[in-house]
Amino acid sequence: MTPGKQKLTILILFLVFVSIIPVIICYSMGYRISDDFKIVETGGIYLSITESDTSLYINDKLKKKAGLVGRNILVQNLKPGTYKIRLEKENYSPWRKNIKIQEGRLKYVFRFLSLKNLNQLR
């Protein structure tokens, strides 16, 4: 490779690097491109749940599961909009709600799950 081609290759790679860095920084800070091609800051949901081993579904897709010790669930990097939230646990009634996520905000939800059959308490 000639010295001229080497310099051109290095210059092109440098320009690609410099142009990608701002995109990576914005993405890591929680900015995304919305459906109408605007740059928006993401939000999140923090769920405080009374029962362990609870599954969280967002728009009918399993997103996270609360553990045996940590019963709280934090979901970050959600684009602003309305999401269908569902909590499920075996032998408990499912809980559903539509939650609106705002730009740059964290939505806090406290939920107590109830048993399907109250005779199970005996």
N, C-alpha and C. Protein backbone atom coordinates (compact mmCIF):
# COMPACT_ATOMS: atom_id res chain seq x y z
N MET A 1 0.85 -1.17 0.00
CA MET A 1 0.00 0.00 0.00
C MET A 1 0.90 1.24 0.00
N THR A 2 0.56 2.19 -0.81
CA THR A 2 1.36 3.40 -0.92
C THR A 2 1.08 4.31 0.27
N PRO A 3 2.02 5.20 0.59
CA PRO A 3 1.81 6.12 1.72
C PRO A 3 0.57 7.00 1.56
N GLY A 4 0.23 7.35 0.36
CA GLY A 4 -0.98 8.15 0.12
C GLY A 4 -2.25 7.39 0.46
N LYS A 5 -2.29 6.10 0.07
CA LYS A 5 -3.47 5.27 0.39
C LYS A 5 -3.56 5.00 1.89
N GLN A 6 -2.40 4.85 2.54
CA GLN A 6 -2.41 4.64 3.99
C GLN A 6 -2.97 5.86 4.70
N LYS A 7 -2.54 7.03 4.32
CA LYS A 7 -3.04 8.27 4.93
C LYS A 7 -4.55 8.42 4.71
N LEU A 8 -5.01 8.10 3.50
CA LEU A 8 -6.44 8.20 3.19
C LEU A 8 -7.25 7.20 4.02
N THR A 9 -6.72 5.98 4.17
CA THR A 9 -7.40 4.97 4.96
C THR A 9 -7.48 5.39 6.43
N ILE A 10 -6.39 5.91 6.96
CA ILE A 10 -6.38 6.38 8.35
C ILE A 10 -7.34 7.55 8.53
N LEU A 11 -7.38 8.46 7.59
CA LEU A 11 -8.29 9.60 7.68
C LEU A 11 -9.75 9.15 7.65
N ILE A 12 -10.09 8.22 6.78
CA ILE A 12 -11.47 7.71 6.70
C ILE A 12 -11.86 7.01 8.00
N LEU A 13 -10.96 6.16 8.52
CA LEU A 13 -11.25 5.46 9.78
C LEU A 13 -11.39 6.44 10.94
N PHE A 14 -10.57 7.49 10.96
CA PHE A 14 -10.67 8.52 12.00
C PHE A 14 -12.01 9.25 11.91
N LEU A 15 -12.45 9.59 10.72
CA LEU A 15 -13.74 10.28 10.55
C LEU A 15 -14.91 9.39 10.97
N VAL A 16 -14.83 8.11 10.64
CA VAL A 16 -15.87 7.17 11.07
C VAL A 16 -15.90 7.09 12.60
N PHE A 17 -14.74 6.99 13.22
CA PHE A 17 -14.64 6.93 14.68
C PHE A 17 -15.23 8.18 15.32
N VAL A 18 -14.84 9.35 14.83
CA VAL A 18 -15.32 10.62 15.39
C VAL A 18 -16.82 10.79 15.20
N SER A 19 -17.38 10.28 14.11
CA SER A 19 -18.82 10.44 13.88
C SER A 19 -19.64 9.44 14.69
N ILE A 20 -19.07 8.30 15.09
CA ILE A 20 -19.82 7.30 15.85
C ILE A 20 -19.81 7.59 17.35
N ILE A 21 -18.76 8.22 17.86
CA ILE A 21 -18.64 8.47 19.29
C ILE A 21 -19.83 9.24 19.87
N PRO A 22 -20.31 10.34 19.26
CA PRO A 22 -21.47 11.03 19.84
C PRO A 22 -22.72 10.15 19.91
N VAL A 23 -22.91 9.28 18.92
CA VAL A 23 -24.06 8.37 18.92
C VAL A 23 -23.96 7.42 20.10
N ILE A 24 -22.79 6.86 20.34
CA ILE A 24 -22.60 5.93 21.45
C ILE A 24 -22.80 6.63 22.79
N ILE A 25 -22.29 7.83 22.93
CA ILE A 25 -22.44 8.58 24.18
C ILE A 25 -23.92 8.89 24.44
N CYS A 26 -24.64 9.36 23.43
CA CYS A 26 -26.07 9.66 23.60
C CYS A 26 -26.87 8.40 23.94
N TYR A 27 -26.55 7.30 23.32
CA TYR A 27 -27.25 6.03 23.59
C TYR A 27 -27.00 5.59 25.03
N SER A 28 -25.77 5.71 25.49
CA SER A 28 -25.45 5.29 26.85
C SER A 28 -26.07 6.21 27.89
N MET A 29 -26.38 7.45 27.53
CA MET A 29 -27.03 8.38 28.46
C MET A 29 -28.55 8.24 28.44
N GLY A 30 -29.09 7.34 27.63
CA GLY A 30 -30.52 7.08 27.65
C GLY A 30 -31.31 7.79 26.57
N TYR A 31 -30.68 8.26 25.54
CA TYR A 31 -31.39 8.91 24.45
C TYR A 31 -31.63 7.90 23.33
N ARG A 32 -32.83 7.97 22.75
CA ARG A 32 -33.18 7.07 21.66
C ARG A 32 -33.88 7.88 20.57
N ILE A 33 -34.05 7.28 19.41
CA ILE A 33 -34.79 7.91 18.32
C ILE A 33 -36.21 7.38 18.38
N SER A 34 -37.18 8.28 18.47
CA SER A 34 -38.58 7.88 18.58
C SER A 34 -39.12 7.43 17.22
N ASP A 35 -40.37 7.01 17.22
CA ASP A 35 -41.00 6.54 15.99
C ASP A 35 -41.14 7.64 14.94
N ASP A 36 -41.22 8.90 15.41
CA ASP A 36 -41.32 10.01 14.46
C ASP A 36 -39.95 10.68 14.25
N PHE A 37 -38.87 9.91 14.49
CA PHE A 37 -37.49 10.31 14.22
C PHE A 37 -37.04 11.56 14.98
N LYS A 38 -37.49 11.68 16.22
CA LYS A 38 -37.01 12.73 17.12
C LYS A 38 -36.15 12.08 18.19
N ILE A 39 -35.20 12.82 18.72
CA ILE A 39 -34.36 12.29 19.80
C ILE A 39 -35.08 12.54 21.11
N VAL A 40 -35.35 11.45 21.86
CA VAL A 40 -36.06 11.56 23.13
C VAL A 40 -35.25 10.86 24.22
N GLU A 41 -35.44 11.33 25.45
CA GLU A 41 -34.81 10.69 26.59
C GLU A 41 -35.72 9.58 27.09
N THR A 42 -35.15 8.46 27.45
CA THR A 42 -35.95 7.32 27.88
C THR A 42 -36.39 7.49 29.34
N GLY A 43 -37.38 6.72 29.71
CA GLY A 43 -37.88 6.69 31.08
C GLY A 43 -37.79 5.27 31.62
N GLY A 44 -38.49 5.03 32.73
CA GLY A 44 -38.44 3.70 33.30
C GLY A 44 -39.60 3.44 34.25
N ILE A 45 -39.66 2.21 34.72
CA ILE A 45 -40.69 1.77 35.67
C ILE A 45 -39.97 1.09 36.83
N TYR A 46 -40.37 1.45 38.04
CA TYR A 46 -39.89 0.78 39.24
C TYR A 46 -41.10 0.16 39.92
N LEU A 47 -41.12 -1.16 40.02
CA LEU A 47 -42.24 -1.88 40.61
C LEU A 47 -41.83 -2.44 41.96
N SER A 48 -42.56 -2.07 42.99
CA SER A 48 -42.36 -2.64 44.31
C SER A 48 -43.45 -3.68 44.51
N ILE A 49 -43.05 -4.95 44.62
CA ILE A 49 -44.00 -6.06 44.64
C ILE A 49 -43.89 -6.77 45.99
N THR A 50 -45.02 -7.20 46.53
CA THR A 50 -45.02 -7.86 47.83
C THR A 50 -44.64 -9.33 47.75
N GLU A 51 -44.76 -9.95 46.60
CA GLU A 51 -44.50 -11.39 46.45
C GLU A 51 -43.25 -11.62 45.60
N SER A 52 -42.44 -12.59 46.01
CA SER A 52 -41.25 -12.94 45.23
C SER A 52 -41.65 -13.83 44.06
N ASP A 53 -40.72 -14.02 43.15
CA ASP A 53 -40.91 -14.89 41.98
C ASP A 53 -42.10 -14.45 41.11
N THR A 54 -42.24 -13.16 40.94
CA THR A 54 -43.31 -12.58 40.13
C THR A 54 -42.76 -12.20 38.76
N SER A 55 -43.52 -12.49 37.72
CA SER A 55 -43.10 -12.19 36.35
C SER A 55 -43.72 -10.88 35.88
N LEU A 56 -42.91 -10.06 35.22
CA LEU A 56 -43.37 -8.79 34.67
C LEU A 56 -43.41 -8.90 33.16
N TYR A 57 -44.58 -8.60 32.60
CA TYR A 57 -44.78 -8.58 31.15
C TYR A 57 -45.04 -7.15 30.73
N ILE A 58 -44.33 -6.70 29.71
CA ILE A 58 -44.57 -5.38 29.13
C ILE A 58 -44.98 -5.61 27.69
N ASN A 59 -46.17 -5.13 27.35
CA ASN A 59 -46.77 -5.34 26.02
C ASN A 59 -46.76 -6.83 25.66
N ASP A 60 -47.17 -7.66 26.61
CA ASP A 60 -47.32 -9.11 26.47
C ASP A 60 -46.01 -9.85 26.20
N LYS A 61 -44.88 -9.26 26.54
CA LYS A 61 -43.58 -9.92 26.43
C LYS A 61 -42.94 -9.97 27.81
N LEU A 62 -42.44 -11.13 28.20
CA LEU A 62 -41.78 -11.27 29.49
C LEU A 62 -40.54 -10.39 29.52
N LYS A 63 -40.52 -9.46 30.46
CA LYS A 63 -39.41 -8.51 30.53
C LYS A 63 -38.44 -8.89 31.65
N LYS A 64 -38.97 -9.13 32.86
CA LYS A 64 -38.13 -9.48 34.00
C LYS A 64 -38.92 -10.32 34.97
N LYS A 65 -38.16 -10.93 35.88
CA LYS A 65 -38.77 -11.73 36.93
C LYS A 65 -38.16 -11.32 38.25
N ALA A 66 -39.01 -11.07 39.25
CA ALA A 66 -38.51 -10.71 40.58
C ALA A 66 -37.93 -11.94 41.23
N GLY A 67 -36.82 -11.77 41.91
CA GLY A 67 -36.14 -12.90 42.53
C GLY A 67 -36.74 -13.27 43.88
N LEU A 68 -36.11 -14.23 44.53
CA LEU A 68 -36.58 -14.68 45.83
C LEU A 68 -36.27 -13.65 46.91
N VAL A 69 -35.15 -12.98 46.80
CA VAL A 69 -34.76 -11.99 47.80
C VAL A 69 -35.20 -10.59 47.38
N GLY A 70 -34.77 -10.17 46.20
CA GLY A 70 -35.12 -8.85 45.71
C GLY A 70 -36.47 -8.87 45.01
N ARG A 71 -37.45 -8.32 45.65
CA ARG A 71 -38.81 -8.37 45.09
C ARG A 71 -39.12 -7.19 44.18
N ASN A 72 -38.24 -6.25 44.11
CA ASN A 72 -38.48 -5.06 43.29
C ASN A 72 -37.93 -5.26 41.89
N ILE A 73 -38.60 -4.63 40.94
CA ILE A 73 -38.17 -4.73 39.54
C ILE A 73 -37.98 -3.32 38.99
N LEU A 74 -36.83 -3.10 38.35
CA LEU A 74 -36.54 -1.84 37.70
C LEU A 74 -36.33 -2.10 36.22
N VAL A 75 -37.11 -1.42 35.40
CA VAL A 75 -36.97 -1.52 33.94
C VAL A 75 -36.63 -0.12 33.43
N GLN A 76 -35.48 -0.02 32.78
CA GLN A 76 -35.03 1.27 32.27
C GLN A 76 -35.05 1.27 30.76
N ASN A 77 -34.75 2.41 30.19
CA ASN A 77 -34.61 2.60 28.74
C ASN A 77 -35.90 2.31 27.98
N LEU A 78 -37.02 2.78 28.51
CA LEU A 78 -38.29 2.67 27.80
C LEU A 78 -38.57 4.00 27.11
N LYS A 79 -38.89 3.93 25.84
CA LYS A 79 -39.24 5.15 25.11
C LYS A 79 -40.54 5.71 25.68
N PRO A 80 -40.73 7.03 25.66
CA PRO A 80 -41.98 7.61 26.14
C PRO A 80 -43.17 7.06 25.38
N GLY A 81 -44.23 6.77 26.11
CA GLY A 81 -45.44 6.21 25.52
C GLY A 81 -46.21 5.42 26.56
N THR A 82 -47.26 4.77 26.11
CA THR A 82 -48.11 3.97 27.00
C THR A 82 -47.78 2.50 26.80
N TYR A 83 -47.60 1.81 27.93
CA TYR A 83 -47.25 0.39 27.91
C TYR A 83 -48.28 -0.40 28.70
N LYS A 84 -48.57 -1.61 28.21
CA LYS A 84 -49.45 -2.53 28.94
C LYS A 84 -48.57 -3.35 29.89
N ILE A 85 -48.82 -3.19 31.18
CA ILE A 85 -48.04 -3.87 32.20
C ILE A 85 -48.89 -5.00 32.79
N ARG A 86 -48.26 -6.16 32.98
CA ARG A 86 -48.95 -7.29 33.60
C ARG A 86 -47.99 -7.98 34.56
N LEU A 87 -48.47 -8.22 35.78
CA LEU A 87 -47.72 -8.99 36.76
C LEU A 87 -48.42 -10.32 36.97
N GLU A 88 -47.65 -11.39 36.98
CA GLU A 88 -48.23 -12.72 37.16
C GLU A 88 -47.38 -13.53 38.12
N LYS A 89 -48.08 -14.34 38.90
CA LYS A 89 -47.45 -15.32 39.77
C LYS A 89 -48.40 -16.47 39.93
N GLU A 90 -47.84 -17.67 40.01
CA GLU A 90 -48.67 -18.86 40.15
C GLU A 90 -49.54 -18.76 41.40
N ASN A 91 -50.81 -19.13 41.27
CA ASN A 91 -51.83 -19.12 42.34
C ASN A 91 -52.25 -17.71 42.75
N TYR A 92 -51.87 -16.70 42.00
CA TYR A 92 -52.26 -15.32 42.28
C TYR A 92 -53.00 -14.75 41.08
N SER A 93 -53.91 -13.83 41.36
CA SER A 93 -54.62 -13.15 40.28
C SER A 93 -53.66 -12.23 39.54
N PRO A 94 -53.68 -12.24 38.21
CA PRO A 94 -52.79 -11.33 37.48
C PRO A 94 -53.23 -9.89 37.66
N TRP A 95 -52.28 -8.99 37.61
CA TRP A 95 -52.54 -7.56 37.74
C TRP A 95 -52.16 -6.90 36.42
N ARG A 96 -53.08 -6.08 35.90
CA ARG A 96 -52.85 -5.41 34.61
C ARG A 96 -53.10 -3.91 34.76
N LYS A 97 -52.31 -3.16 34.02
CA LYS A 97 -52.50 -1.71 34.02
C LYS A 97 -51.78 -1.11 32.83
N ASN A 98 -52.34 -0.06 32.27
CA ASN A 98 -51.67 0.73 31.24
C ASN A 98 -50.93 1.86 31.94
N ILE A 99 -49.63 1.94 31.70
CA ILE A 99 -48.81 2.95 32.36
C ILE A 99 -48.17 3.84 31.30
N LYS A 100 -48.27 5.13 31.53
CA LYS A 100 -47.68 6.09 30.61
C LYS A 100 -46.29 6.47 31.11
N ILE A 101 -45.31 6.25 30.25
CA ILE A 101 -43.93 6.60 30.56
C ILE A 101 -43.64 7.97 29.95
N GLN A 102 -43.11 8.86 30.80
CA GLN A 102 -42.77 10.19 30.33
C GLN A 102 -41.26 10.29 30.12
N GLU A 103 -40.89 11.21 29.28
CA GLU A 103 -39.48 11.39 28.93
C GLU A 103 -38.66 11.79 30.16
N GLY A 104 -37.62 11.02 30.44
CA GLY A 104 -36.70 11.34 31.52
C GLY A 104 -37.25 11.10 32.92
N ARG A 105 -38.37 10.39 33.04
CA ARG A 105 -39.00 10.15 34.34
C ARG A 105 -39.02 8.67 34.68
N LEU A 106 -39.04 8.40 35.97
CA LEU A 106 -39.17 7.04 36.47
C LEU A 106 -40.53 6.92 37.14
N LYS A 107 -41.33 5.98 36.68
CA LYS A 107 -42.68 5.75 37.22
C LYS A 107 -42.56 4.73 38.34
N TYR A 108 -43.04 5.08 39.54
CA TYR A 108 -43.00 4.18 40.69
C TYR A 108 -44.37 3.56 40.89
N VAL A 109 -44.42 2.23 40.98
CA VAL A 109 -45.69 1.51 41.16
C VAL A 109 -45.53 0.54 42.32
N PHE A 110 -46.44 0.60 43.28
CA PHE A 110 -46.48 -0.36 44.37
C PHE A 110 -47.68 -1.26 44.16
N ARG A 111 -47.45 -2.56 44.17
CA ARG A 111 -48.56 -3.48 43.88
C ARG A 111 -48.54 -4.65 44.84
N PHE A 112 -49.73 -4.94 45.36
CA PHE A 112 -49.96 -6.08 46.24
C PHE A 112 -50.77 -7.11 45.45
N LEU A 113 -50.22 -8.30 45.26
CA LEU A 113 -50.92 -9.35 44.53
C LEU A 113 -51.84 -10.12 45.47
N SER A 114 -53.01 -10.51 44.98
CA SER A 114 -53.97 -11.24 45.81
C SER A 114 -54.09 -12.68 45.31
N LEU A 115 -54.33 -13.58 46.24
CA LEU A 115 -54.49 -14.99 45.91
C LEU A 115 -55.76 -15.21 45.10
N LYS A 116 -55.71 -16.18 44.17
CA LYS A 116 -56.91 -16.52 43.39
C LYS A 116 -57.94 -17.17 44.29
N ASN A 117 -57.50 -18.09 45.12
CA ASN A 117 -58.40 -18.81 46.00
C ASN A 117 -58.00 -18.50 47.43
N LEU A 118 -58.85 -17.78 48.15
CA LEU A 118 -58.51 -17.39 49.52
C LEU A 118 -58.49 -18.57 50.48
N ASN A 119 -59.02 -19.71 50.09
CA ASN A 119 -58.97 -20.90 50.95
C ASN A 119 -57.56 -21.46 51.07
N GLN A 120 -56.65 -21.00 50.21
CA GLN A 120 -55.26 -21.45 50.29
C GLN A 120 -54.55 -20.93 51.53
N LEU A 121 -55.11 -19.91 52.15
CA LEU A 121 -54.52 -19.35 53.35
C LEU A 121 -54.64 -20.28 54.55
N ARG A 122 -55.59 -21.18 54.52
CA ARG A 122 -55.82 -22.07 55.66
C ARG A 122 -54.85 -23.19 55.69
